């Protein structure tokens, strides 16, 4: 799981402000949070996950202890290939995960003959990945799925409708399996260059080369990555609070937000209206909103939750 740290800082003379980090692994966020608390100037500190759930330090410690022996921090790459001449399909699956303080990479491919198109092969590759997650006993966790198929990613994020019946059936099977495992998916579309491992596995399957392997990833690289992330996070805590948004951008966003009933209800409340007009922290959050992204439910709900939290303080 990845989270953002939200930290209320108080100077010795009582001046307060709020900082936010960039998104990072929960374990790394806990290291930073514990260090921030040791400064003695932390008024409040909480974690915010990708679904806008709030976590206290106590809750996060409990969560990290529970998942330590199970696969977590899971990233899945999938790719499918289809040979028009032979009508054969190759499926590629790569899964990165942490377990017992170590990091692993699982690679798996498969060759199948029952499919009819490249799009169907892409769906089948994702289904193969979910079966591998089930074999790893992954459940009740967020999982990041990365692929280069616009059709699959946009169908499953409901950006596009699934028109072809066979693809619709694959989507149903995948969603049913994830629901049974209580997996919360996050989908990311990348270029083929960003999906080379899974693409290579799919090609090898088409060429009759079967691969099933799990290896431990060198801890040195992971440690350096964690260190760089910690350094970057501390810098972001400072920089994010200094990034300016103009009054003009804020006022434009307020005008845009007034189209939503939930925002109008805030504006009809005199105290909330005053905060929206005068409070720097509230106005900063409003100024950060990207109007183009507000059409997406996840993005809209994220900022709706942020405003709700800060207006209720």
Protein backbone atom coordinates (compact mmCIF):
# COMPACT_ATOMS: atom_id res chain seq x y z
CA UNK A 1 0.00 0.00 0.00
CA UNK A 2 1.15 3.52 -0.75
CA UNK A 3 0.19 6.54 1.33
CA UNK A 4 0.68 10.28 1.72
CA UNK A 5 1.77 11.78 5.03
CA UNK A 6 -0.18 14.81 6.22
CA UNK A 7 1.67 16.55 9.02
CA UNK A 8 0.56 19.55 11.08
CA UNK A 9 3.66 21.46 12.23
CA UNK A 10 3.78 23.93 15.12
CA UNK A 11 6.66 26.35 15.80
CA UNK A 12 7.80 27.10 19.38
CA UNK A 13 5.81 30.37 19.21
CA UNK A 14 2.64 28.56 18.15
CA UNK A 15 2.52 29.26 14.41
CA UNK A 16 1.04 26.28 12.60
CA UNK A 17 0.94 24.97 9.04
CA UNK A 18 0.18 21.70 7.24
CA UNK A 19 2.60 19.77 5.01
CA UNK A 20 1.94 16.86 2.67
CA UNK A 21 4.47 14.37 1.32
CA UNK A 22 4.40 12.68 -2.05
CA UNK A 23 3.04 9.13 -2.20
CA UNK A 24 5.31 6.39 -0.87
CA UNK A 25 5.26 2.85 0.51
CA UNK A 26 3.55 2.61 3.89
CA UNK A 27 6.65 1.19 5.58
CA UNK A 28 8.78 4.12 4.37
CA UNK A 29 6.08 6.56 5.43
CA UNK A 30 6.14 5.06 8.93
CA UNK A 31 9.90 5.66 9.22
CA UNK A 32 9.45 9.32 8.31
CA UNK A 33 6.41 9.72 10.57
CA UNK A 34 8.27 8.36 13.59
CA UNK A 35 11.18 10.72 12.88
CA UNK A 36 8.82 13.70 12.55
CA UNK A 37 7.22 12.87 15.88
CA UNK A 38 10.63 12.89 17.53
CA UNK A 39 10.98 16.59 16.66
CA UNK A 40 8.39 17.35 19.32
CA UNK A 41 6.71 19.87 17.02
CA UNK A 42 4.16 17.62 15.41
CA UNK A 43 0.63 18.63 16.33
CA UNK A 44 -1.13 15.93 14.31
CA UNK A 45 0.08 13.33 11.82
CA UNK A 46 -1.93 10.97 9.68
CA UNK A 47 -1.61 8.84 6.58
CA UNK A 48 -3.93 9.04 3.56
CA UNK A 49 -4.16 6.05 1.22
CA UNK A 50 -5.17 6.09 -2.45
CA UNK A 51 -8.81 5.69 -1.53
CA UNK A 52 -8.73 8.69 0.83
CA UNK A 53 -8.94 6.55 3.96
CA UNK A 54 -7.25 8.14 6.98
CA UNK A 55 -4.85 6.13 9.14
CA UNK A 56 -3.33 7.00 12.52
CA UNK A 57 0.22 5.92 13.37
CA UNK A 58 -1.18 3.23 15.68
CA UNK A 59 -3.43 1.86 12.92
CA UNK A 60 -0.59 1.89 10.39
CA UNK A 61 1.75 0.03 12.74
CA UNK A 62 -0.91 -2.62 13.27
CA UNK A 63 -1.50 -2.96 9.51
CA UNK A 64 2.23 -3.30 8.73
CA UNK A 65 2.64 -5.97 11.39
CA UNK A 66 -0.32 -7.95 10.01
CA UNK A 67 0.93 -8.04 6.42
CA UNK A 68 4.64 -8.56 7.16
CA UNK A 69 4.54 -12.33 6.52
CA UNK A 70 2.19 -12.10 3.52
CA UNK A 71 2.90 -10.79 0.00
CA UNK A 72 2.28 -7.04 -0.13
CA UNK A 73 3.34 -3.90 -2.06
CA UNK A 74 2.26 -5.82 -5.15
CA UNK A 75 2.82 -4.56 -8.71
CA UNK A 76 1.67 -6.67 -11.65
CA UNK A 77 2.72 -6.32 -15.31
CA UNK A 78 0.74 -8.22 -17.95
CA UNK A 79 0.89 -8.60 -21.73
CA UNK A 80 -0.69 -10.79 -24.38
CA UNK A 81 0.36 -11.53 -27.95
CA UNK A 82 -1.58 -13.15 -30.80
CA UNK A 83 -0.14 -14.74 -33.95
CA UNK A 84 -2.54 -14.24 -36.87
CA UNK A 85 -0.94 -17.05 -38.87
CA UNK A 86 -0.92 -19.82 -36.25
CA UNK A 87 -3.83 -18.43 -34.19
CA UNK A 88 -1.71 -19.08 -31.09
CA UNK A 89 -1.51 -16.68 -28.15
CA UNK A 90 1.30 -15.94 -25.71
CA UNK A 91 0.60 -14.63 -22.22
CA UNK A 92 3.16 -12.84 -20.06
CA UNK A 93 2.94 -12.12 -16.32
CA UNK A 94 5.41 -10.40 -13.97
CA UNK A 95 4.62 -9.85 -10.29
CA UNK A 96 6.75 -7.82 -7.88
CA UNK A 97 6.02 -8.15 -4.17
CA UNK A 98 7.50 -7.87 -0.67
CA UNK A 99 7.33 -10.58 1.99
CA UNK A 100 9.13 -11.13 5.30
CA UNK A 101 11.33 -8.10 4.75
CA UNK A 102 12.50 -9.26 1.32
CA UNK A 103 11.49 -8.35 -2.25
CA UNK A 104 10.66 -10.85 -4.97
CA UNK A 105 9.91 -11.04 -8.70
CA UNK A 106 7.70 -13.77 -10.10
CA UNK A 107 7.72 -14.43 -13.87
CA UNK A 108 5.26 -16.72 -15.63
CA UNK A 109 4.10 -17.22 -19.19
CA UNK A 110 1.73 -19.52 -21.04
CA UNK A 111 0.80 -20.47 -24.58
CA UNK A 112 -2.87 -20.99 -25.48
CA UNK A 113 -4.76 -21.85 -28.67
CA UNK A 114 -8.40 -21.05 -27.89
CA UNK A 115 -8.27 -17.25 -28.31
CA UNK A 116 -9.29 -15.22 -31.36
CA UNK A 117 -7.59 -11.81 -31.13
CA UNK A 118 -4.80 -9.80 -29.55
CA UNK A 119 -7.32 -8.03 -27.28
CA UNK A 120 -8.55 -11.36 -25.96
CA UNK A 121 -4.93 -12.43 -25.35
CA UNK A 122 -4.39 -9.28 -23.29
CA UNK A 123 -7.40 -10.13 -21.12
CA UNK A 124 -6.22 -13.73 -20.77
CA UNK A 125 -2.78 -12.49 -19.64
CA UNK A 126 -4.37 -10.39 -16.92
CA UNK A 127 -6.49 -13.36 -15.85
CA UNK A 128 -3.31 -15.48 -15.65
CA UNK A 129 -1.79 -12.85 -13.34
CA UNK A 130 -4.79 -12.95 -11.03
CA UNK A 131 -4.55 -16.75 -10.80
CA UNK A 132 -0.88 -16.33 -9.82
CA UNK A 133 -1.92 -13.83 -7.14
CA UNK A 134 -4.38 -16.41 -5.84
CA UNK A 135 -1.56 -18.99 -5.73
CA UNK A 136 0.47 -16.51 -3.66
CA UNK A 137 -2.52 -16.24 -1.29
CA UNK A 138 -2.94 -12.54 -1.98
CA UNK A 139 -6.21 -11.22 -0.57
CA UNK A 140 -7.76 -8.09 0.94
CA UNK A 141 -5.02 -5.88 -0.55
CA UNK A 142 -4.65 -3.11 -3.12
CA UNK A 143 -2.80 -4.28 -6.25
CA UNK A 144 -1.40 -2.15 -9.07
CA UNK A 145 -1.92 -3.65 -12.54
CA UNK A 146 0.22 -2.25 -15.37
CA UNK A 147 -0.25 -3.01 -19.07
CA UNK A 148 0.05 -1.51 -22.54
CA UNK A 149 -3.44 -2.50 -23.76
CA UNK A 150 -5.69 0.54 -24.08
CA UNK A 151 -8.67 -1.76 -24.59
CA UNK A 152 -8.20 -3.72 -21.35
CA UNK A 153 -7.22 -0.77 -19.16
CA UNK A 154 -9.98 1.52 -20.46
CA UNK A 155 -12.61 -1.22 -20.25
CA UNK A 156 -11.78 -2.10 -16.66
CA UNK A 157 -11.62 1.55 -15.56
CA UNK A 158 -14.96 2.07 -17.34
CA UNK A 159 -13.52 4.74 -19.61
CA UNK A 160 -14.67 2.67 -22.62
CA UNK A 161 -17.56 0.19 -22.87
CA UNK A 162 -16.78 -3.47 -23.57
CA UNK A 163 -18.69 -4.01 -26.82
CA UNK A 164 -17.42 -7.43 -27.96
CA UNK A 165 -19.18 -10.22 -26.07
CA UNK A 166 -16.04 -12.35 -25.62
CA UNK A 167 -14.17 -9.39 -24.10
CA UNK A 168 -17.13 -8.57 -21.89
CA UNK A 169 -17.03 -12.15 -20.60
CA UNK A 170 -13.32 -11.88 -19.80
CA UNK A 171 -13.90 -8.61 -17.93
CA UNK A 172 -16.66 -10.26 -15.87
CA UNK A 173 -14.43 -13.22 -14.99
CA UNK A 174 -11.57 -10.95 -13.95
CA UNK A 175 -13.74 -8.68 -11.82
CA UNK A 176 -15.47 -11.66 -10.18
CA UNK A 177 -12.13 -13.24 -9.27
CA UNK A 178 -10.79 -9.99 -7.80
CA UNK A 179 -13.99 -9.51 -5.83
CA UNK A 180 -13.66 -13.04 -4.42
CA UNK A 181 -10.06 -12.32 -3.36
CA UNK A 182 -11.04 -8.87 -2.03
CA UNK A 183 -8.35 -7.29 -4.23
CA UNK A 184 -8.70 -3.57 -4.85
CA UNK A 185 -7.24 -2.96 -8.31
CA UNK A 186 -5.51 0.12 -9.62
CA UNK A 187 -4.84 0.15 -13.35
CA UNK A 188 -2.06 1.98 -15.17
CA UNK A 189 -1.60 2.25 -18.93
CA UNK A 190 2.01 2.38 -20.14
CA UNK A 191 3.77 2.26 -23.50
CA UNK A 192 5.16 -1.03 -24.80
CA UNK A 193 8.62 0.17 -23.71
CA UNK A 194 7.28 0.42 -20.17
CA UNK A 195 6.08 -3.17 -20.31
CA UNK A 196 9.11 -4.95 -21.78
CA UNK A 197 9.34 -7.80 -19.26
CA UNK A 198 5.77 -9.01 -19.74
CA UNK A 199 6.03 -8.44 -23.51
CA UNK A 200 9.18 -10.58 -23.68
CA UNK A 201 7.48 -13.38 -21.74
CA UNK A 202 4.47 -13.32 -24.10
CA UNK A 203 6.80 -13.52 -27.11
CA UNK A 204 8.75 -16.40 -25.57
CA UNK A 205 5.48 -18.27 -24.99
CA UNK A 206 4.61 -17.84 -28.69
CA UNK A 207 8.03 -19.31 -29.51
CA UNK A 208 7.41 -22.36 -27.32
CA UNK A 209 9.61 -21.27 -24.40
CA UNK A 210 7.83 -21.79 -21.07
CA UNK A 211 9.01 -19.84 -18.04
CA UNK A 212 8.00 -20.09 -14.40
CA UNK A 213 10.43 -18.53 -11.94
CA UNK A 214 10.55 -16.59 -8.69
CA UNK A 215 13.73 -14.83 -7.57
CA UNK A 216 14.67 -12.60 -4.69
CA UNK A 217 15.58 -9.07 -5.74
CA UNK A 218 18.94 -7.81 -4.50
CA UNK A 219 18.37 -6.02 -1.20
CA UNK A 220 21.09 -3.46 -1.96
CA UNK A 221 19.08 -1.89 -4.74
CA UNK A 222 15.97 -1.91 -2.60
CA UNK A 223 17.75 -0.25 0.28
CA UNK A 224 19.13 2.49 -1.96
CA UNK A 225 15.69 2.97 -3.49
CA UNK A 226 14.18 3.32 -0.04
CA UNK A 227 16.84 5.81 0.99
CA UNK A 228 16.29 7.95 -2.10
CA UNK A 229 12.55 7.81 -1.53
CA UNK A 230 12.98 8.94 2.08
CA UNK A 231 15.17 11.87 1.01
CA UNK A 232 12.73 12.82 -1.74
CA UNK A 233 9.82 12.61 0.66
CA UNK A 234 11.40 14.97 3.16
CA UNK A 235 12.14 17.45 0.38
CA UNK A 236 8.58 17.18 -0.87
CA UNK A 237 7.20 17.86 2.61
CA UNK A 238 8.91 21.24 2.46
CA UNK A 239 8.49 22.06 -1.22
CA UNK A 240 4.82 21.08 -1.49
CA UNK A 241 3.86 23.71 1.07
CA UNK A 242 5.86 26.38 -0.78
CA UNK A 243 4.44 25.78 -4.25
CA UNK A 244 2.37 28.84 -5.15
CA UNK A 245 -1.08 28.91 -6.66
CA UNK A 246 -2.44 32.29 -7.72
CA UNK A 247 -5.63 33.90 -6.45
CA UNK A 248 -6.86 33.90 -10.03
CA UNK A 249 -6.43 30.09 -10.28
CA UNK A 250 -8.19 29.64 -6.93
CA UNK A 251 -11.13 31.85 -7.95
CA UNK A 252 -11.44 30.03 -11.29
CA UNK A 253 -11.57 26.71 -9.48
CA UNK A 254 -14.16 28.00 -7.01
CA UNK A 255 -16.36 29.06 -9.93
CA UNK A 256 -15.94 25.61 -11.47
CA UNK A 257 -16.63 23.76 -8.19
CA UNK A 258 -19.90 25.63 -7.70
CA UNK A 259 -21.42 23.36 -10.37
CA UNK A 260 -21.33 20.53 -7.80
CA UNK A 261 -24.06 20.39 -5.15
CA UNK A 262 -21.66 19.18 -2.46
CA UNK A 263 -19.50 22.28 -2.93
CA UNK A 264 -22.53 24.58 -3.05
CA UNK A 265 -23.57 23.22 0.35
CA UNK A 266 -20.21 24.38 1.74
CA UNK A 267 -20.62 27.78 0.13
CA UNK A 268 -24.11 28.16 1.64
CA UNK A 269 -22.62 27.72 5.10
CA UNK A 270 -21.30 31.08 6.30
CA UNK A 271 -18.38 29.64 8.27
CA UNK A 272 -17.27 27.42 5.40
CA UNK A 273 -17.73 30.25 2.94
CA UNK A 274 -15.45 32.44 5.07
CA UNK A 275 -12.79 29.72 5.14
CA UNK A 276 -13.00 29.26 1.37
CA UNK A 277 -12.52 33.00 0.88
CA UNK A 278 -9.88 33.66 3.56
CA UNK A 279 -8.13 30.53 4.88
CA UNK A 280 -4.79 29.95 3.16
CA UNK A 281 -4.78 26.16 3.66
CA UNK A 282 -8.29 25.75 2.25
CA UNK A 283 -7.55 28.03 -0.70
CA UNK A 284 -4.28 26.23 -1.39
CA UNK A 285 -6.09 22.89 -1.76
CA UNK A 286 -8.70 24.46 -4.04
CA UNK A 287 -5.93 26.00 -6.15
CA UNK A 288 -4.25 22.61 -6.58
CA UNK A 289 -7.31 21.10 -8.29
CA UNK A 290 -6.88 20.22 -11.95
CA UNK A 291 -10.22 20.98 -13.59
CA UNK A 292 -9.53 18.62 -16.51
CA UNK A 293 -9.16 15.67 -14.12
CA UNK A 294 -12.35 16.43 -12.19
CA UNK A 295 -14.37 14.35 -14.66
CA UNK A 296 -12.79 11.24 -13.13
CA UNK A 297 -14.66 9.97 -10.07
CA UNK A 298 -11.51 8.93 -8.21
CA UNK A 299 -9.87 12.33 -8.64
CA UNK A 300 -13.06 14.24 -7.80
CA UNK A 301 -13.68 12.16 -4.67
CA UNK A 302 -10.07 12.66 -3.58
CA UNK A 303 -10.40 16.45 -3.50
CA UNK A 304 -13.93 16.33 -2.15
CA UNK A 305 -12.54 14.37 0.81
CA UNK A 306 -9.61 16.77 1.24
CA UNK A 307 -11.93 19.76 1.39
CA UNK A 308 -14.26 17.98 3.79
CA UNK A 309 -11.39 17.18 6.14
CA UNK A 310 -9.84 20.65 6.17
CA UNK A 311 -13.18 22.49 6.44
CA UNK A 312 -14.15 20.42 9.47
CA UNK A 313 -10.94 21.23 11.39
